Amino acid sequence: MKKRRIFETAVHGIFLIMGLVTVGCVLLISVYLIIAGIPAIREIGLVKFLFGTKWASTAAEPQYGILPFILTSVYGTAGAIVIGVPIGFFCAVYLAKIAKPAVREVMEGAVSLLAGIPSVVYGLVGMMVLVPGIRKLFNLSDGAGLLAAMIVLAIMILPSIIKVALNALEAVPEEYESASLALGATPIETYFKVSVPAAGSGIAAAVVLGVGRAIGEAMAVMMVAGNAPNMPDSLFQSVRFLTTAIASEMSYSSGLQRQALFSIALVLFLFIMLINAALNFFLKREKVKQ
C-alpha cells in the first residue's frame, strides 16, 4: 500500500512538472517576443507600424507599415474557414453517422494521410496545379494571390476539423438519438437537430484548431500567394501574410529591419491569443447556457 502511494505521488509529480514546463515555455516565448519586439515599435511608432500601408524594409528610406499583412492574414484565414469548415463539418457528420464501415475506414485513412503531408508539399502542389488553374480560369497574368492561399489553407485545415468534430459526434450518447428516432424524427433530422447540437462544443473546438492552423501557416501560403507586400484589394492580388513576412526576410535582415520582424511576430502572437481567448469565452458561455 505504501509503495502504491509513493508511485502515485511520483506520477502526480511528473505530470505537474510537465504541466509547469509547458506553461514555462509559453511564458518564455511571450517574454522573449515582448523584449525583442517592443524596441522597433517604439522607434517606428505604434500607429505607423500597425496602420502604415507600405512595407519597404530595404529601401533608401525604409517604411515599416504592416497593415497589408494584417488584413491579408485576416482575409486569408476567414476565407479558409468559410471554405474549409462546411466541408469538414459535413464530412465528419457523414463519417460518424452515415458512412458504411468500409467507406469510413478508407476515408479516415485518407484524412490521416492528409494531416501528415508536410506544408511545403501543399505549397508545391498549389504552385504547380492550383495557381496555373486559377490563371487560366480567370484569364489572369498570374494566378498566385489571395484566392489560391485561401484554397490551400482550407485544404490544410480539413484534417483537424474532421478529426475533432468526428470525435465529438461519436461521444454523443446513443440514447439521445434513440429517443429522437422514437419520437418520429428521421435519421437526418436526428443527426442535425440532436447529435450536432449535443456535440457543439467539440465542433467549435475543431473550428478553433482550424483557425490556429490557418493563421500560423507560412511555407505553403508563401508559395501560392505571390509574397508581395500589397494591400489585399482583390482575391487575385499578390499578397503577403504576417507569417510569410517574417519567413521571407529573416534570413538577411539586420538592425531595425530585424527588430521589425520580431515586432510582426509579437503582433501575430497577440493576434492568435486574442482569437483563442474570444472563442474560448463564447464556448464557455454556451456551456453555461446549456
Protein backbone atom coordinates (compact mmCIF):
# COMPACT_ATOMS: atom_id res chain seq x y z
CA MET A 1 0.00 0.00 0.00
CA LYS A 2 2.83 2.35 0.87
CA LYS A 3 4.65 1.58 -2.40
CA ARG A 4 1.48 2.26 -4.35
CA ARG A 5 1.04 5.63 -2.60
CA ILE A 6 4.66 6.55 -3.38
CA PHE A 7 4.19 5.54 -7.01
CA GLU A 8 1.02 7.66 -7.36
CA THR A 9 2.76 10.62 -5.75
CA ALA A 10 5.67 10.28 -8.17
CA VAL A 11 3.32 10.10 -11.17
CA HIS A 12 1.42 13.18 -9.98
CA GLY A 13 4.74 14.98 -9.54
CA ILE A 14 5.83 14.08 -13.08
CA PHE A 15 2.54 15.32 -14.52
CA LEU A 16 2.87 18.54 -12.53
CA ILE A 17 6.40 19.10 -13.80
CA MET A 18 5.33 18.50 -17.41
CA GLY A 19 2.49 20.99 -16.98
CA LEU A 20 4.81 23.57 -15.49
CA VAL A 21 7.29 23.03 -18.33
CA THR A 22 4.52 23.71 -20.86
CA VAL A 23 3.41 26.87 -19.08
CA GLY A 24 7.04 27.93 -18.68
CA CYS A 25 7.69 27.56 -22.42
CA VAL A 26 4.70 29.75 -23.23
CA LEU A 27 5.86 32.37 -20.73
CA LEU A 28 9.42 32.33 -22.08
CA ILE A 29 8.21 32.76 -25.65
CA SER A 30 5.93 35.61 -24.57
CA VAL A 31 8.68 37.41 -22.67
CA TYR A 32 11.19 36.97 -25.49
CA LEU A 33 8.80 38.31 -28.13
CA ILE A 34 7.94 41.30 -25.97
CA ILE A 35 11.60 42.11 -25.29
CA ALA A 36 12.58 41.65 -28.95
CA GLY A 37 9.53 43.33 -30.50
CA ILE A 38 8.96 46.43 -28.38
CA PRO A 39 12.12 48.40 -29.44
CA ALA A 40 11.14 48.53 -33.13
CA ILE A 41 7.58 49.58 -32.30
CA ARG A 42 8.96 52.38 -30.11
CA GLU A 43 11.30 53.60 -32.85
CA ILE A 44 8.84 53.33 -35.72
CA GLY A 45 5.75 54.36 -33.77
CA LEU A 46 2.80 52.16 -32.89
CA VAL A 47 0.34 53.88 -35.26
CA LYS A 48 2.77 53.94 -38.20
CA PHE A 49 3.68 50.32 -37.59
CA LEU A 50 0.16 48.90 -37.26
CA PHE A 51 -1.67 51.18 -39.71
CA GLY A 52 1.01 52.02 -42.24
CA THR A 53 0.09 50.79 -45.71
CA LYS A 54 3.58 50.36 -47.15
CA TRP A 55 6.34 47.91 -46.26
CA ALA A 56 9.71 48.76 -47.82
CA SER A 57 12.30 47.49 -45.36
CA THR A 58 15.24 47.60 -47.81
CA ALA A 59 14.52 50.98 -49.43
CA ALA A 60 16.77 54.01 -49.05
CA GLU A 61 14.13 55.42 -46.73
CA PRO A 62 12.66 52.30 -45.09
CA GLN A 63 8.95 52.09 -44.29
CA TYR A 64 7.52 49.56 -41.89
CA GLY A 65 3.74 49.54 -42.21
CA ILE A 66 2.18 46.11 -41.62
CA LEU A 67 -1.50 46.86 -42.23
CA PRO A 68 -1.39 44.94 -45.57
CA PHE A 69 -0.04 41.88 -43.74
CA ILE A 70 -2.68 42.11 -41.01
CA LEU A 71 -5.57 42.44 -43.45
CA THR A 72 -4.20 39.67 -45.65
CA SER A 73 -3.94 37.31 -42.66
CA VAL A 74 -7.48 38.18 -41.56
CA TYR A 75 -8.98 37.78 -45.04
CA GLY A 76 -7.00 34.63 -45.79
CA THR A 77 -7.97 32.95 -42.52
CA ALA A 78 -11.61 33.98 -42.87
CA GLY A 79 -11.73 32.66 -46.44
CA ALA A 80 -10.14 29.37 -45.41
CA ILE A 81 -12.66 28.97 -42.59
CA VAL A 82 -15.60 29.78 -44.88
CA ILE A 83 -14.43 27.16 -47.38
CA GLY A 84 -12.99 24.53 -45.03
CA VAL A 85 -15.42 24.45 -42.10
CA PRO A 86 -18.57 23.43 -44.03
CA ILE A 87 -16.66 20.73 -45.93
CA GLY A 88 -15.02 19.41 -42.77
CA PHE A 89 -18.25 19.55 -40.78
CA PHE A 90 -20.37 17.64 -43.31
CA CYS A 91 -17.56 15.14 -43.85
CA ALA A 92 -17.40 14.50 -40.08
CA VAL A 93 -21.19 14.02 -39.88
CA TYR A 94 -21.09 11.63 -42.82
CA LEU A 95 -18.25 9.56 -41.34
CA ALA A 96 -19.75 9.48 -37.84
CA LYS A 97 -23.37 8.73 -38.70
CA ILE A 98 -23.92 7.71 -42.31
CA ALA A 99 -20.87 6.08 -43.89
CA LYS A 100 -20.55 2.30 -44.07
CA PRO A 101 -17.65 0.77 -42.10
CA ALA A 102 -15.59 0.03 -45.21
CA VAL A 103 -16.07 3.53 -46.63
CA ARG A 104 -15.34 5.10 -43.26
CA GLU A 105 -12.12 3.15 -42.86
CA VAL A 106 -10.86 4.31 -46.25
CA MET A 107 -11.86 7.93 -45.69
CA GLU A 108 -10.36 8.08 -42.20
CA GLY A 109 -7.12 6.75 -43.63
CA ALA A 110 -7.21 9.45 -46.29
CA VAL A 111 -7.83 12.14 -43.69
CA SER A 112 -4.92 10.89 -41.57
CA LEU A 113 -2.70 10.89 -44.64
CA LEU A 114 -3.81 14.42 -45.44
CA ALA A 115 -2.82 15.50 -41.93
CA GLY A 116 0.65 14.00 -42.31
CA ILE A 117 1.57 15.75 -45.56
CA PRO A 118 4.21 18.48 -45.00
CA SER A 119 3.08 22.04 -45.65
CA VAL A 120 5.75 22.53 -48.31
CA VAL A 121 4.13 19.73 -50.33
CA TYR A 122 0.78 21.53 -50.17
CA GLY A 123 2.53 24.66 -51.37
CA LEU A 124 4.29 22.80 -54.19
CA VAL A 125 1.08 21.18 -55.44
CA GLY A 126 -0.72 24.51 -55.15
CA MET A 127 2.04 26.26 -57.09
CA MET A 128 2.12 23.62 -59.85
CA VAL A 129 -1.62 22.88 -60.15
CA LEU A 130 -3.81 25.46 -58.39
CA VAL A 131 -2.02 28.66 -59.43
CA PRO A 132 -1.95 27.79 -63.17
CA GLY A 133 -5.58 26.66 -62.91
CA ILE A 134 -6.69 29.99 -61.43
CA ARG A 135 -4.66 31.86 -64.06
CA LYS A 136 -6.35 30.01 -66.91
CA LEU A 137 -9.84 30.01 -65.37
CA PHE A 138 -9.96 33.75 -64.73
CA ASN A 139 -7.66 34.78 -67.59
CA LEU A 140 -5.07 36.41 -65.35
CA SER A 141 -1.42 37.22 -65.85
CA ASP A 142 -0.57 35.38 -62.63
CA GLY A 143 -2.73 33.01 -60.56
CA ALA A 144 -0.70 33.44 -57.36
CA GLY A 145 -2.72 35.51 -54.93
CA LEU A 146 -5.15 35.63 -52.03
CA LEU A 147 -7.65 33.17 -53.56
CA ALA A 148 -5.01 30.49 -54.05
CA ALA A 149 -3.83 30.95 -50.47
CA MET A 150 -7.40 30.63 -49.16
CA ILE A 151 -7.96 27.37 -51.03
CA VAL A 152 -4.65 25.86 -49.89
CA LEU A 153 -5.30 26.85 -46.27
CA ALA A 154 -8.84 25.44 -46.46
CA ILE A 155 -7.44 22.07 -47.58
CA MET A 156 -4.78 22.13 -44.87
CA ILE A 157 -7.23 22.72 -42.01
CA LEU A 158 -9.61 19.95 -43.11
CA PRO A 159 -7.90 17.10 -41.17
CA SER A 160 -8.00 19.00 -37.86
CA ILE A 161 -11.64 19.94 -38.28
CA ILE A 162 -12.76 16.49 -39.42
CA LYS A 163 -10.94 14.55 -36.69
CA VAL A 164 -12.01 16.71 -33.76
CA ALA A 165 -15.61 17.07 -34.98
CA LEU A 166 -15.77 13.31 -35.63
CA ASN A 167 -14.63 12.53 -32.08
CA ALA A 168 -17.18 14.99 -30.68
CA LEU A 169 -20.04 13.42 -32.66
CA GLU A 170 -19.04 9.91 -31.62
CA ALA A 171 -19.09 10.98 -27.97
CA VAL A 172 -22.80 11.85 -28.12
CA PRO A 173 -24.74 9.20 -26.13
CA GLU A 174 -26.78 6.81 -28.29
CA GLU A 175 -29.78 7.38 -26.03
CA TYR A 176 -30.18 10.89 -27.44
CA GLU A 177 -30.54 9.62 -30.98
CA SER A 178 -32.72 6.67 -29.95
CA ALA A 179 -35.13 8.99 -28.16
CA SER A 180 -35.30 11.29 -31.18
CA LEU A 181 -35.98 8.41 -33.56
CA ALA A 182 -38.62 7.01 -31.19
CA LEU A 183 -40.43 10.35 -31.33
CA GLY A 184 -40.72 10.10 -35.10
CA ALA A 185 -37.77 12.13 -36.32
CA THR A 186 -35.94 10.94 -39.41
CA PRO A 187 -32.26 9.93 -39.13
CA ILE A 188 -31.11 13.12 -40.90
CA GLU A 189 -33.24 15.28 -38.59
CA THR A 190 -31.81 13.41 -35.62
CA TYR A 191 -28.23 13.92 -36.75
CA PHE A 192 -28.55 17.67 -37.34
CA LYS A 193 -31.07 18.59 -34.61
CA VAL A 194 -29.89 16.30 -31.81
CA SER A 195 -26.38 14.96 -32.36
CA VAL A 196 -24.82 18.12 -33.77
CA PRO A 197 -26.13 20.46 -31.01
CA ALA A 198 -25.01 17.95 -28.38
CA ALA A 199 -21.52 17.93 -29.89
CA GLY A 200 -21.49 21.70 -30.33
CA SER A 201 -18.55 22.42 -28.03
CA GLY A 202 -16.38 19.80 -29.71
CA ILE A 203 -17.25 21.09 -33.18
CA ALA A 204 -16.43 24.63 -32.04
CA ALA A 205 -13.09 23.36 -30.72
CA ALA A 206 -12.44 21.94 -34.19
CA VAL A 207 -13.03 25.38 -35.67
CA VAL A 208 -10.61 26.91 -33.14
CA LEU A 209 -7.92 24.43 -34.19
CA GLY A 210 -8.60 25.25 -37.82
CA VAL A 211 -8.23 28.97 -37.17
CA GLY A 212 -4.93 28.41 -35.37
CA ARG A 213 -3.57 26.26 -38.21
CA ALA A 214 -4.63 28.77 -40.86
CA ILE A 215 -3.16 31.81 -39.11
CA GLY A 216 0.14 30.13 -38.29
CA GLU A 217 0.90 28.63 -41.71
CA ALA A 218 3.83 30.18 -43.61
CA MET A 219 5.54 27.94 -46.16
CA ALA A 220 2.52 26.86 -48.19
CA VAL A 221 0.98 30.33 -48.48
CA MET A 222 4.37 31.83 -49.32
CA MET A 223 4.49 29.59 -52.40
CA VAL A 224 0.99 30.35 -53.70
CA ALA A 225 0.16 33.89 -52.52
CA GLY A 226 2.76 35.76 -54.57
CA ASN A 227 4.54 37.08 -51.46
CA ALA A 228 4.28 40.75 -52.46
CA PRO A 229 3.57 43.36 -49.74
CA ASN A 230 0.40 44.69 -51.37
CA MET A 231 -2.92 45.66 -49.88
CA PRO A 232 -5.43 42.81 -50.38
CA ASP A 233 -7.71 44.75 -52.72
CA SER A 234 -8.99 41.66 -54.55
CA LEU A 235 -8.92 37.87 -54.39
CA PHE A 236 -6.38 37.79 -57.22
CA GLN A 237 -3.97 40.32 -55.69
CA SER A 238 -0.47 39.07 -54.93
CA VAL A 239 -0.17 39.41 -51.15
CA ARG A 240 1.98 38.61 -48.13
CA PHE A 241 0.79 37.22 -44.79
CA LEU A 242 2.19 38.06 -41.35
CA THR A 243 3.91 34.69 -41.19
CA THR A 244 5.40 34.91 -44.67
CA ALA A 245 6.65 38.44 -44.00
CA ILE A 246 8.81 37.02 -41.21
CA ALA A 247 9.94 33.93 -43.10
CA SER A 248 10.84 35.75 -46.31
CA GLU A 249 13.13 38.39 -44.78
CA MET A 250 14.53 36.98 -41.54
CA SER A 251 17.50 35.25 -43.21
CA TYR A 252 19.08 38.50 -44.47
CA SER A 253 17.66 41.07 -42.04
CA SER A 254 19.65 43.20 -39.63
CA GLY A 255 19.24 46.24 -37.43
CA LEU A 256 15.83 47.88 -37.37
CA GLN A 257 14.54 45.56 -40.11
CA ARG A 258 15.24 42.50 -37.94
CA GLN A 259 13.66 44.16 -34.91
CA ALA A 260 10.57 44.99 -37.01
CA LEU A 261 10.24 41.32 -37.97
CA PHE A 262 10.23 40.39 -34.29
CA SER A 263 7.56 43.05 -33.80
CA ILE A 264 5.49 41.34 -36.51
CA ALA A 265 5.92 38.06 -34.62
CA LEU A 266 4.70 39.78 -31.45
CA VAL A 267 1.62 41.14 -33.25
CA LEU A 268 0.90 37.69 -34.69
CA PHE A 269 1.29 36.09 -31.26
CA LEU A 270 -1.09 38.57 -29.64
CA PHE A 271 -3.49 38.20 -32.55
CA ILE A 272 -3.70 34.42 -32.10
CA MET A 273 -4.06 34.76 -28.32
CA LEU A 274 -6.95 37.22 -28.69
CA ILE A 275 -8.77 34.96 -31.17
CA ASN A 276 -8.36 31.90 -28.94
CA ALA A 277 -9.45 33.85 -25.86
CA ALA A 278 -12.54 35.19 -27.65
CA LEU A 279 -13.54 31.77 -28.98
CA ASN A 280 -12.99 30.11 -25.60
CA PHE A 281 -15.11 32.81 -23.96
CA PHE A 282 -18.02 32.14 -26.30
CA LEU A 283 -17.63 28.38 -25.84
CA LYS A 284 -17.79 28.67 -22.06
CA ARG A 285 -20.80 30.96 -22.29
CA GLU A 286 -22.60 28.43 -24.49
CA LYS A 287 -21.85 25.67 -21.98
CA VAL A 288 -23.29 27.78 -19.18
CA LYS A 289 -26.46 28.39 -21.20
CA GLN A 290 -26.83 24.66 -21.85
